[in-house]
């Protein structure tokens, strides 16, 4: 009787071991597949974010001109110029929606909206407030692109590993200005 129980327990243990082994094997196979795709996806995401970063810088250059060049006609030229910039960013964002965060895409498209109206305001203080709003949106977009792309995290990790001792008169001045403004950039 003991031999029968031993055989049954041994057989059950073998079956359970086989099931567990198959489950672990499947988990490892899926994990390897995810790892092989993640590098490719990361590369594509990074390329999309790099291109978005570039589109935003070009857009900021144009928006800066629109916000300062008084020779442009208020309605037609300024609106047409900034519309091209906004449409370019929107089309790029839509074409890369698979890799770019939806909320960040919306923020980037909205960043330069209203830049064409800055010079229509007659009060110089109010103009500067509007210019500041565009600059702030642009600065936030750059920060979010760095964060969501993973570049900011990797840069922080590399700084912890390498522990660079960057200093100099200008760098010290920049750090003092950032501290005065309460920023950590």
Foldseek 3Di string as FASTA:
>chain_A
DVVVVVVVVVVVVVVVVVVVVVVVVVVVVVVVVCVVVVVVLLVVLLVLLVVLLVLLVVLVVQLVCLLPPPVADLPDRSCVSNVVSLVVLLVSCVVPVVRDDPVLSVLSSCLSPPSSCLVVDPDPVVSVVSVVSSVVSSVVSVVVSCVSSCVVVVVVVVCVVVVDDDDDDVVVVVVVVCVVVVHDD
